[in-house]
């Protein structure tokens, strides 16, 4: 019985402390954003910034000689990079309307969950793998990426792209 009274007192003190320590500033409904972690994909798209969401770690996969990088942003935008014939550190080019050269894609979310995708397949792009360790891959990328449809009328410039990913 004595133990039960002690536990009850501790719970009451904890509840009072929590109630008193909360301030009105805590009630602004601002979401708590976790730290981004060690892995990222970042770039300038035209004059705006793109960065992966702090809630979704960007990923690299390797299948049949092709490296795929996928990143989703907090606003619904996404970045995908495909490097065929991946062979570690080096420069990989895409474009010339040849999908077998790989690509750098930027998908921009519009109203009503519609997307416009821009691709270096219709333009040009460069990915440079600058470091590969037993656990990580790092690099840079840039692209001129027209809208991915016949008769395209808009394009984006992707510059200052950097990434650091867990090695698949």
N, C-alpha and C. Protein backbone atom coordinates (compact mmCIF):
# COMPACT_ATOMS: atom_id res chain seq x y z
N UNK A 1 0.82 -1.18 0.00
CA UNK A 1 0.00 0.00 0.00
C UNK A 1 0.87 1.25 0.00
N UNK A 2 1.97 1.18 0.76
CA UNK A 2 2.89 2.31 0.84
C UNK A 2 3.48 2.59 -0.54
N UNK A 3 3.79 1.53 -1.31
CA UNK A 3 4.35 1.67 -2.66
C UNK A 3 3.35 2.33 -3.58
N UNK A 4 2.09 1.96 -3.46
CA UNK A 4 1.04 2.54 -4.29
C UNK A 4 0.89 4.04 -4.03
N UNK A 5 0.97 4.45 -2.75
CA UNK A 5 0.88 5.88 -2.40
C UNK A 5 2.08 6.62 -2.99
N UNK A 6 3.27 6.03 -2.93
CA UNK A 6 4.47 6.68 -3.46
C UNK A 6 4.36 6.86 -4.98
N UNK A 7 3.87 5.83 -5.65
CA UNK A 7 3.71 5.92 -7.11
C UNK A 7 2.68 6.99 -7.46
N UNK A 8 1.59 7.04 -6.70
CA UNK A 8 0.54 8.05 -6.95
C UNK A 8 1.09 9.46 -6.76
N UNK A 9 1.88 9.66 -5.70
CA UNK A 9 2.48 10.98 -5.45
C UNK A 9 3.42 11.37 -6.60
N UNK A 10 4.22 10.40 -7.05
CA UNK A 10 5.16 10.67 -8.15
C UNK A 10 4.41 11.06 -9.43
N UNK A 11 3.34 10.34 -9.72
CA UNK A 11 2.55 10.64 -10.92
C UNK A 11 1.91 12.02 -10.80
N UNK A 12 1.40 12.37 -9.61
CA UNK A 12 0.79 13.68 -9.41
C UNK A 12 1.83 14.78 -9.57
N UNK A 13 2.99 14.60 -8.98
CA UNK A 13 4.06 15.60 -9.11
C UNK A 13 4.50 15.75 -10.56
N UNK A 14 4.61 14.65 -11.30
CA UNK A 14 4.99 14.70 -12.71
C UNK A 14 3.95 15.45 -13.52
N UNK A 15 2.68 15.18 -13.28
CA UNK A 15 1.60 15.87 -14.00
C UNK A 15 1.61 17.36 -13.69
N UNK A 16 1.78 17.73 -12.42
CA UNK A 16 1.82 19.15 -12.04
C UNK A 16 3.02 19.83 -12.69
N UNK A 17 4.17 19.19 -12.66
CA UNK A 17 5.37 19.76 -13.27
C UNK A 17 5.18 19.97 -14.77
N UNK A 18 4.61 18.99 -15.46
CA UNK A 18 4.38 19.11 -16.90
C UNK A 18 3.41 20.24 -17.20
N UNK A 19 2.36 20.37 -16.41
CA UNK A 19 1.37 21.42 -16.63
C UNK A 19 1.98 22.80 -16.40
N UNK A 20 2.74 22.96 -15.32
CA UNK A 20 3.32 24.26 -14.98
C UNK A 20 4.43 24.64 -15.96
N UNK A 21 5.19 23.66 -16.46
CA UNK A 21 6.33 23.97 -17.32
C UNK A 21 5.91 24.31 -18.74
N UNK A 22 4.70 23.98 -19.15
CA UNK A 22 4.24 24.32 -20.50
C UNK A 22 3.93 25.80 -20.56
N UNK A 23 4.33 26.42 -21.66
CA UNK A 23 4.02 27.84 -21.83
C UNK A 23 3.06 28.00 -22.99
N UNK A 24 2.50 29.17 -23.10
CA UNK A 24 1.57 29.47 -24.19
C UNK A 24 2.28 29.39 -25.53
N UNK A 25 3.59 29.66 -25.58
CA UNK A 25 4.34 29.61 -26.83
C UNK A 25 4.34 28.22 -27.45
N UNK A 26 4.14 27.19 -26.64
CA UNK A 26 4.14 25.83 -27.15
C UNK A 26 2.88 25.51 -27.95
N UNK A 27 1.88 26.37 -27.89
CA UNK A 27 0.59 26.10 -28.51
C UNK A 27 0.45 26.70 -29.89
N UNK A 28 1.54 26.93 -30.62
CA UNK A 28 1.45 27.58 -31.92
C UNK A 28 1.29 26.60 -33.08
N UNK A 29 1.13 25.32 -32.78
CA UNK A 29 0.90 24.27 -33.78
C UNK A 29 2.00 24.16 -34.83
N UNK A 30 3.19 24.59 -34.51
CA UNK A 30 4.32 24.44 -35.42
C UNK A 30 4.82 23.01 -35.34
N UNK A 31 4.89 22.31 -36.49
CA UNK A 31 5.34 20.92 -36.42
C UNK A 31 6.81 20.84 -36.01
N UNK A 32 7.12 19.79 -35.31
CA UNK A 32 8.51 19.53 -34.92
C UNK A 32 9.16 18.79 -36.07
N UNK A 33 10.21 19.37 -36.64
CA UNK A 33 10.90 18.76 -37.78
C UNK A 33 12.16 18.09 -37.27
N UNK A 34 12.27 16.80 -37.50
CA UNK A 34 13.46 16.10 -37.03
C UNK A 34 14.70 16.53 -37.83
N UNK A 35 15.87 16.31 -37.30
CA UNK A 35 17.08 16.66 -38.06
C UNK A 35 17.16 15.85 -39.34
N UNK A 36 17.76 16.45 -40.36
CA UNK A 36 17.82 15.83 -41.69
C UNK A 36 18.69 14.58 -41.73
N UNK A 37 19.61 14.43 -40.82
CA UNK A 37 20.46 13.25 -40.83
C UNK A 37 21.68 13.46 -41.70
N UNK A 38 22.42 12.38 -41.89
CA UNK A 38 23.67 12.46 -42.65
C UNK A 38 23.48 12.41 -44.15
N UNK A 39 22.33 11.95 -44.64
CA UNK A 39 22.14 11.73 -46.06
C UNK A 39 21.21 12.78 -46.65
N UNK A 40 21.53 13.24 -47.87
CA UNK A 40 20.76 14.34 -48.45
C UNK A 40 20.89 14.37 -49.96
N UNK A 41 19.95 15.07 -50.58
CA UNK A 41 20.01 15.49 -51.99
C UNK A 41 19.56 16.94 -51.98
N UNK A 42 20.40 17.83 -52.51
CA UNK A 42 20.10 19.27 -52.55
C UNK A 42 20.46 19.81 -53.92
N UNK A 43 19.74 20.87 -54.34
CA UNK A 43 20.07 21.53 -55.61
C UNK A 43 19.32 22.85 -55.70
N UNK A 44 19.74 23.67 -56.63
CA UNK A 44 18.98 24.84 -57.04
C UNK A 44 18.20 24.42 -58.28
N UNK A 45 16.91 24.71 -58.30
CA UNK A 45 16.08 24.45 -59.47
C UNK A 45 15.55 25.80 -59.91
N UNK A 46 16.06 26.28 -61.05
CA UNK A 46 15.90 27.67 -61.47
C UNK A 46 16.46 28.53 -60.35
N UNK A 47 15.65 29.36 -59.71
CA UNK A 47 16.20 30.20 -58.64
C UNK A 47 15.79 29.71 -57.25
N UNK A 48 15.01 28.62 -57.18
CA UNK A 48 14.57 28.09 -55.89
C UNK A 48 15.46 26.96 -55.41
N UNK A 49 15.29 26.62 -54.16
CA UNK A 49 16.08 25.54 -53.56
C UNK A 49 15.26 24.26 -53.51
N UNK A 50 15.93 23.14 -53.75
CA UNK A 50 15.33 21.83 -53.56
C UNK A 50 16.16 21.11 -52.50
N UNK A 51 15.48 20.46 -51.57
CA UNK A 51 16.15 19.61 -50.59
C UNK A 51 15.20 18.48 -50.23
N UNK A 52 15.78 17.32 -49.94
CA UNK A 52 14.93 16.21 -49.53
C UNK A 52 14.21 16.54 -48.23
N UNK A 53 13.08 15.91 -48.04
CA UNK A 53 12.30 16.08 -46.82
C UNK A 53 13.07 15.53 -45.63
N UNK A 54 13.00 16.20 -44.49
CA UNK A 54 13.66 15.64 -43.31
C UNK A 54 12.97 14.37 -42.82
N UNK A 55 11.77 14.08 -43.33
CA UNK A 55 11.04 12.89 -42.92
C UNK A 55 11.35 11.67 -43.77
N UNK A 56 11.96 11.87 -44.94
CA UNK A 56 12.22 10.76 -45.86
C UNK A 56 13.69 10.81 -46.29
N UNK A 57 14.45 9.82 -45.89
CA UNK A 57 15.86 9.76 -46.25
C UNK A 57 15.99 9.40 -47.73
N UNK A 58 16.78 10.16 -48.49
CA UNK A 58 16.97 9.79 -49.90
C UNK A 58 17.68 8.44 -49.99
N UNK A 59 17.43 7.75 -51.11
CA UNK A 59 17.96 6.39 -51.23
C UNK A 59 18.68 6.18 -52.55
N UNK A 60 19.66 5.31 -52.51
CA UNK A 60 20.35 4.85 -53.72
C UNK A 60 20.16 3.35 -53.81
N UNK A 61 19.89 2.87 -55.02
CA UNK A 61 19.79 1.44 -55.26
C UNK A 61 20.69 1.10 -56.45
N UNK A 62 21.09 -0.14 -56.51
CA UNK A 62 21.96 -0.59 -57.59
C UNK A 62 21.38 -1.88 -58.13
N UNK A 63 21.10 -1.91 -59.44
CA UNK A 63 20.51 -3.09 -60.05
C UNK A 63 21.00 -3.23 -61.48
N UNK A 64 21.55 -4.36 -61.80
CA UNK A 64 21.99 -4.69 -63.17
C UNK A 64 22.89 -3.59 -63.76
N UNK A 65 23.83 -3.10 -62.95
CA UNK A 65 24.77 -2.09 -63.44
C UNK A 65 24.26 -0.67 -63.45
N UNK A 66 23.04 -0.43 -62.95
CA UNK A 66 22.45 0.91 -62.96
C UNK A 66 22.26 1.41 -61.53
N UNK A 67 22.75 2.61 -61.27
CA UNK A 67 22.55 3.27 -59.98
C UNK A 67 21.32 4.16 -60.09
N UNK A 68 20.40 4.03 -59.14
CA UNK A 68 19.21 4.89 -59.07
C UNK A 68 19.24 5.65 -57.76
N UNK A 69 18.98 6.95 -57.84
CA UNK A 69 18.90 7.81 -56.66
C UNK A 69 17.50 8.41 -56.63
N UNK A 70 16.83 8.32 -55.50
CA UNK A 70 15.47 8.84 -55.35
C UNK A 70 15.41 9.74 -54.13
N UNK A 71 14.81 10.92 -54.29
CA UNK A 71 14.67 11.86 -53.20
C UNK A 71 13.31 12.53 -53.30
N UNK A 72 12.64 12.69 -52.17
CA UNK A 72 11.35 13.38 -52.12
C UNK A 72 11.47 14.59 -51.21
N UNK A 73 10.95 15.73 -51.67
CA UNK A 73 10.99 16.95 -50.89
C UNK A 73 9.76 17.12 -50.01
N UNK A 74 9.84 18.00 -49.03
CA UNK A 74 8.74 18.23 -48.09
C UNK A 74 7.53 18.87 -48.76
N UNK A 75 7.70 19.52 -49.91
CA UNK A 75 6.58 20.18 -50.58
C UNK A 75 5.96 19.32 -51.67
N UNK A 76 6.40 18.07 -51.80
CA UNK A 76 5.85 17.17 -52.80
C UNK A 76 6.71 17.06 -54.04
N UNK A 77 7.72 17.91 -54.19
CA UNK A 77 8.62 17.81 -55.32
C UNK A 77 9.56 16.62 -55.13
N UNK A 78 10.14 16.15 -56.22
CA UNK A 78 11.03 14.99 -56.13
C UNK A 78 12.17 15.10 -57.14
N UNK A 79 13.25 14.40 -56.85
CA UNK A 79 14.41 14.36 -57.73
C UNK A 79 14.78 12.89 -57.92
N UNK A 80 15.00 12.49 -59.18
CA UNK A 80 15.46 11.14 -59.49
C UNK A 80 16.67 11.23 -60.41
N UNK A 81 17.64 10.39 -60.13
CA UNK A 81 18.85 10.35 -60.96
C UNK A 81 19.09 8.88 -61.32
N UNK A 82 19.31 8.63 -62.59
CA UNK A 82 19.65 7.28 -63.05
C UNK A 82 21.01 7.32 -63.72
N UNK A 83 21.90 6.43 -63.29
CA UNK A 83 23.24 6.34 -63.87
C UNK A 83 23.44 4.92 -64.40
N UNK A 84 23.24 4.72 -65.72
CA UNK A 84 23.50 3.39 -66.28
C UNK A 84 25.01 3.15 -66.38
N UNK A 85 25.41 1.90 -66.40
CA UNK A 85 26.83 1.54 -66.49
C UNK A 85 27.65 2.18 -65.37
N UNK A 86 27.06 2.23 -64.18
CA UNK A 86 27.73 2.82 -63.02
C UNK A 86 29.01 2.04 -62.72
N UNK A 87 30.10 2.82 -62.52
CA UNK A 87 31.40 2.20 -62.27
C UNK A 87 32.19 2.99 -61.23
N UNK A 88 31.51 3.50 -60.21
CA UNK A 88 32.21 4.21 -59.13
C UNK A 88 32.51 5.66 -59.47
N UNK A 89 33.61 6.17 -58.90
CA UNK A 89 34.01 7.57 -59.08
C UNK A 89 34.17 7.87 -60.56
N UNK A 90 33.59 9.01 -60.98
CA UNK A 90 33.69 9.40 -62.38
C UNK A 90 32.58 10.35 -62.77
N UNK A 91 32.58 10.74 -64.05
CA UNK A 91 31.58 11.67 -64.59
C UNK A 91 30.66 10.88 -65.52
N UNK A 92 29.36 11.10 -65.35
CA UNK A 92 28.34 10.42 -66.15
C UNK A 92 27.45 11.48 -66.78
N UNK A 93 27.29 11.43 -68.08
CA UNK A 93 26.49 12.42 -68.81
C UNK A 93 25.17 11.82 -69.27
N UNK A 94 24.14 12.66 -69.34
CA UNK A 94 22.84 12.22 -69.85
C UNK A 94 22.36 13.23 -70.87
N UNK A 95 21.33 12.84 -71.60
CA UNK A 95 20.74 13.76 -72.56
C UNK A 95 20.73 13.23 -73.98
N UNK A 96 20.66 14.15 -74.93
CA UNK A 96 20.65 13.83 -76.37
C UNK A 96 19.46 12.96 -76.77
N UNK A 97 18.34 13.10 -76.06
CA UNK A 97 17.14 12.31 -76.34
C UNK A 97 17.41 10.81 -76.35
N UNK A 98 18.33 10.37 -75.50
CA UNK A 98 18.68 8.96 -75.44
C UNK A 98 18.56 8.48 -74.00
N UNK A 99 17.48 7.79 -73.70
CA UNK A 99 17.20 7.31 -72.34
C UNK A 99 18.30 6.37 -71.84
N UNK A 100 18.97 5.68 -72.73
CA UNK A 100 20.03 4.76 -72.28
C UNK A 100 21.23 5.50 -71.70
N UNK A 101 21.29 6.83 -71.87
CA UNK A 101 22.36 7.63 -71.25
C UNK A 101 22.05 7.95 -69.79
N UNK A 102 20.87 7.57 -69.30
CA UNK A 102 20.48 7.92 -67.93
C UNK A 102 19.76 9.25 -67.91
N UNK A 103 19.47 9.73 -66.71
CA UNK A 103 18.73 10.99 -66.61
C UNK A 103 18.84 11.61 -65.23
N UNK A 104 18.49 12.89 -65.20
CA UNK A 104 18.23 13.63 -63.97
C UNK A 104 16.82 14.18 -64.15
N UNK A 105 15.89 13.74 -63.32
CA UNK A 105 14.50 14.19 -63.41
C UNK A 105 14.16 15.04 -62.19
N UNK A 106 13.36 16.08 -62.43
CA UNK A 106 12.78 16.87 -61.35
C UNK A 106 11.28 16.87 -61.55
N UNK A 107 10.53 16.41 -60.55
CA UNK A 107 9.08 16.40 -60.61
C UNK A 107 8.56 17.48 -59.68
N UNK A 108 7.78 18.38 -60.24
CA UNK A 108 7.25 19.52 -59.48
C UNK A 108 5.76 19.31 -59.25
N UNK A 109 5.36 19.35 -57.97
CA UNK A 109 3.96 19.15 -57.63
C UNK A 109 3.19 20.45 -57.85
N UNK A 110 2.05 20.32 -58.51
CA UNK A 110 1.17 21.46 -58.74
C UNK A 110 -0.10 21.33 -57.93
N UNK A 111 -1.10 22.09 -58.30
CA UNK A 111 -2.37 22.05 -57.57
C UNK A 111 -3.08 20.73 -57.81
N UNK A 112 -3.81 20.28 -56.81
CA UNK A 112 -4.58 19.04 -56.94
C UNK A 112 -3.72 17.82 -57.13
N UNK A 113 -2.51 17.82 -56.60
CA UNK A 113 -1.58 16.70 -56.71
C UNK A 113 -1.24 16.36 -58.16
N UNK A 114 -1.20 17.36 -59.02
CA UNK A 114 -0.73 17.15 -60.39
C UNK A 114 0.78 17.40 -60.40
N UNK A 115 1.45 16.77 -61.34
CA UNK A 115 2.91 16.89 -61.44
C UNK A 115 3.33 17.28 -62.84
N UNK A 116 4.40 18.06 -62.91
CA UNK A 116 5.12 18.29 -64.15
C UNK A 116 6.50 17.70 -63.94
N UNK A 117 6.93 16.89 -64.89
CA UNK A 117 8.26 16.29 -64.77
C UNK A 117 9.16 16.89 -65.83
N UNK A 118 10.35 17.26 -65.39
CA UNK A 118 11.38 17.83 -66.26
C UNK A 118 12.53 16.84 -66.30
N UNK A 119 13.10 16.60 -67.49
CA UNK A 119 14.11 15.56 -67.61
C UNK A 119 15.30 15.98 -68.46
N UNK A 120 16.47 15.53 -68.03
CA UNK A 120 17.69 15.80 -68.80
C UNK A 120 17.75 14.95 -70.06
N UNK A 121 16.88 13.94 -70.19
CA UNK A 121 16.86 13.13 -71.41
C UNK A 121 16.61 14.05 -72.60
N UNK A 122 15.70 15.01 -72.46
CA UNK A 122 15.37 15.95 -73.54
C UNK A 122 16.35 17.11 -73.60
N UNK A 123 17.22 17.22 -72.60
CA UNK A 123 18.20 18.30 -72.54
C UNK A 123 19.59 17.72 -72.37
N UNK A 124 20.20 18.05 -71.22
CA UNK A 124 21.53 17.52 -70.92
C UNK A 124 21.74 17.52 -69.41
N UNK A 125 22.60 16.63 -68.96
CA UNK A 125 22.89 16.56 -67.53
C UNK A 125 24.22 15.90 -67.26
N UNK A 126 24.76 16.20 -66.09
CA UNK A 126 26.02 15.62 -65.66
C UNK A 126 25.92 15.24 -64.19
N UNK A 127 26.35 14.03 -63.90
CA UNK A 127 26.47 13.57 -62.52
C UNK A 127 27.94 13.21 -62.33
N UNK A 128 28.54 13.73 -61.26
CA UNK A 128 29.91 13.34 -60.94
C UNK A 128 29.92 12.65 -59.59
N UNK A 129 30.32 11.41 -59.58
CA UNK A 129 30.52 10.69 -58.33
C UNK A 129 31.91 11.07 -57.84
N UNK A 130 31.96 11.77 -56.69
CA UNK A 130 33.23 12.30 -56.20
C UNK A 130 33.89 11.43 -55.14
N UNK A 131 33.11 10.61 -54.43
CA UNK A 131 33.68 9.75 -53.39
C UNK A 131 32.78 8.53 -53.18
N UNK A 132 33.42 7.40 -53.03
CA UNK A 132 32.72 6.16 -52.71
C UNK A 132 33.52 5.47 -51.61
N UNK A 133 32.84 5.21 -50.50
CA UNK A 133 33.48 4.46 -49.40
C UNK A 133 32.73 3.14 -49.24
N UNK A 134 33.08 2.40 -48.24
CA UNK A 134 32.40 1.13 -47.98
C UNK A 134 30.93 1.34 -47.61
N UNK A 135 30.58 2.56 -47.13
CA UNK A 135 29.22 2.79 -46.65
C UNK A 135 28.49 3.95 -47.31
N UNK A 136 29.20 4.81 -48.05
CA UNK A 136 28.56 6.03 -48.58
C UNK A 136 28.99 6.36 -50.00
N UNK A 137 28.12 7.12 -50.68
CA UNK A 137 28.41 7.64 -52.02
C UNK A 137 28.14 9.13 -51.98
N UNK A 138 29.05 9.94 -52.54
CA UNK A 138 28.87 11.38 -52.61
C UNK A 138 29.08 11.86 -54.03
N UNK A 139 28.42 12.97 -54.38
CA UNK A 139 28.60 13.50 -55.71
C UNK A 139 27.91 14.82 -55.92
N UNK A 140 28.02 15.27 -57.17
CA UNK A 140 27.40 16.53 -57.60
C UNK A 140 26.62 16.26 -58.88
N UNK A 141 25.69 17.16 -59.21
CA UNK A 141 24.94 17.02 -60.45
C UNK A 141 24.39 18.36 -60.91
N UNK A 142 24.12 18.44 -62.22
CA UNK A 142 23.49 19.62 -62.82
C UNK A 142 22.80 19.17 -64.09
N UNK A 143 21.81 19.96 -64.53
CA UNK A 143 21.09 19.57 -65.74
C UNK A 143 20.32 20.75 -66.32
N UNK A 144 20.13 20.70 -67.62
CA UNK A 144 19.13 21.50 -68.31
C UNK A 144 18.04 20.51 -68.62
N UNK A 145 16.84 20.70 -68.04
CA UNK A 145 15.80 19.68 -68.10
C UNK A 145 14.48 20.25 -68.63
N UNK A 146 14.19 20.03 -69.92
CA UNK A 146 12.89 20.44 -70.47
C UNK A 146 11.77 19.55 -69.90
N UNK A 147 10.55 20.08 -70.02
CA UNK A 147 9.39 19.32 -69.59
C UNK A 147 9.33 18.00 -70.36
N UNK A 148 8.96 16.93 -69.67
CA UNK A 148 9.00 15.60 -70.27
C UNK A 148 7.72 15.30 -71.05
N UNK A 149 7.55 16.00 -72.16
CA UNK A 149 6.43 15.73 -73.07
C UNK A 149 6.78 16.28 -74.44
N UNK A 150 6.21 15.66 -75.46
CA UNK A 150 6.43 16.15 -76.81
C UNK A 150 5.90 17.58 -76.92
N UNK A 151 6.58 18.40 -77.67
CA UNK A 151 6.18 19.79 -77.84
C UNK A 151 6.35 20.62 -76.57
N UNK A 152 7.31 20.23 -75.72
CA UNK A 152 7.53 20.93 -74.46
C UNK A 152 7.73 22.42 -74.69
N UNK A 153 7.31 23.21 -73.70
CA UNK A 153 7.44 24.67 -73.79
C UNK A 153 8.18 25.26 -72.60
N UNK A 154 8.40 24.46 -71.55
CA UNK A 154 9.11 24.97 -70.37
C UNK A 154 10.25 24.03 -70.01
N UNK A 155 11.23 24.57 -69.32
CA UNK A 155 12.38 23.80 -68.87
C UNK A 155 12.86 24.38 -67.55
N UNK A 156 13.63 23.59 -66.81
CA UNK A 156 14.25 24.08 -65.59
C UNK A 156 15.76 23.88 -65.68
N UNK A 157 16.47 24.72 -64.99
CA UNK A 157 17.92 24.63 -64.86
C UNK A 157 18.21 24.10 -63.46
N UNK A 158 18.84 22.94 -63.38
CA UNK A 158 19.21 22.35 -62.10
C UNK A 158 20.70 22.59 -61.92
N UNK A 159 21.06 23.28 -60.85
CA UNK A 159 22.47 23.62 -60.62
C UNK A 159 22.83 23.39 -59.15
N UNK A 160 24.11 23.40 -58.88
CA UNK A 160 24.64 23.26 -57.52
C UNK A 160 24.09 22.02 -56.81
N UNK A 161 23.81 20.96 -57.57
CA UNK A 161 23.29 19.73 -56.98
C UNK A 161 24.38 18.97 -56.24
N UNK A 162 24.06 18.51 -55.05
CA UNK A 162 24.97 17.69 -54.26
C UNK A 162 24.17 16.57 -53.60
N UNK A 163 24.85 15.47 -53.34
CA UNK A 163 24.21 14.39 -52.61
C UNK A 163 25.23 13.61 -51.80
N UNK A 164 24.73 13.02 -50.74
CA UNK A 164 25.49 12.08 -49.93
C UNK A 164 24.46 11.01 -49.53
N UNK A 165 24.76 9.77 -49.87
CA UNK A 165 23.79 8.69 -49.70
C UNK A 165 24.43 7.47 -49.08
N UNK A 166 23.62 6.67 -48.42
CA UNK A 166 24.08 5.39 -47.93
C UNK A 166 24.31 4.49 -49.13
N UNK A 167 25.46 3.85 -49.17
CA UNK A 167 25.78 2.97 -50.30
C UNK A 167 24.88 1.73 -50.26
N UNK A 168 24.28 1.43 -51.42
CA UNK A 168 23.40 0.24 -51.44
C UNK A 168 24.19 -1.06 -51.35
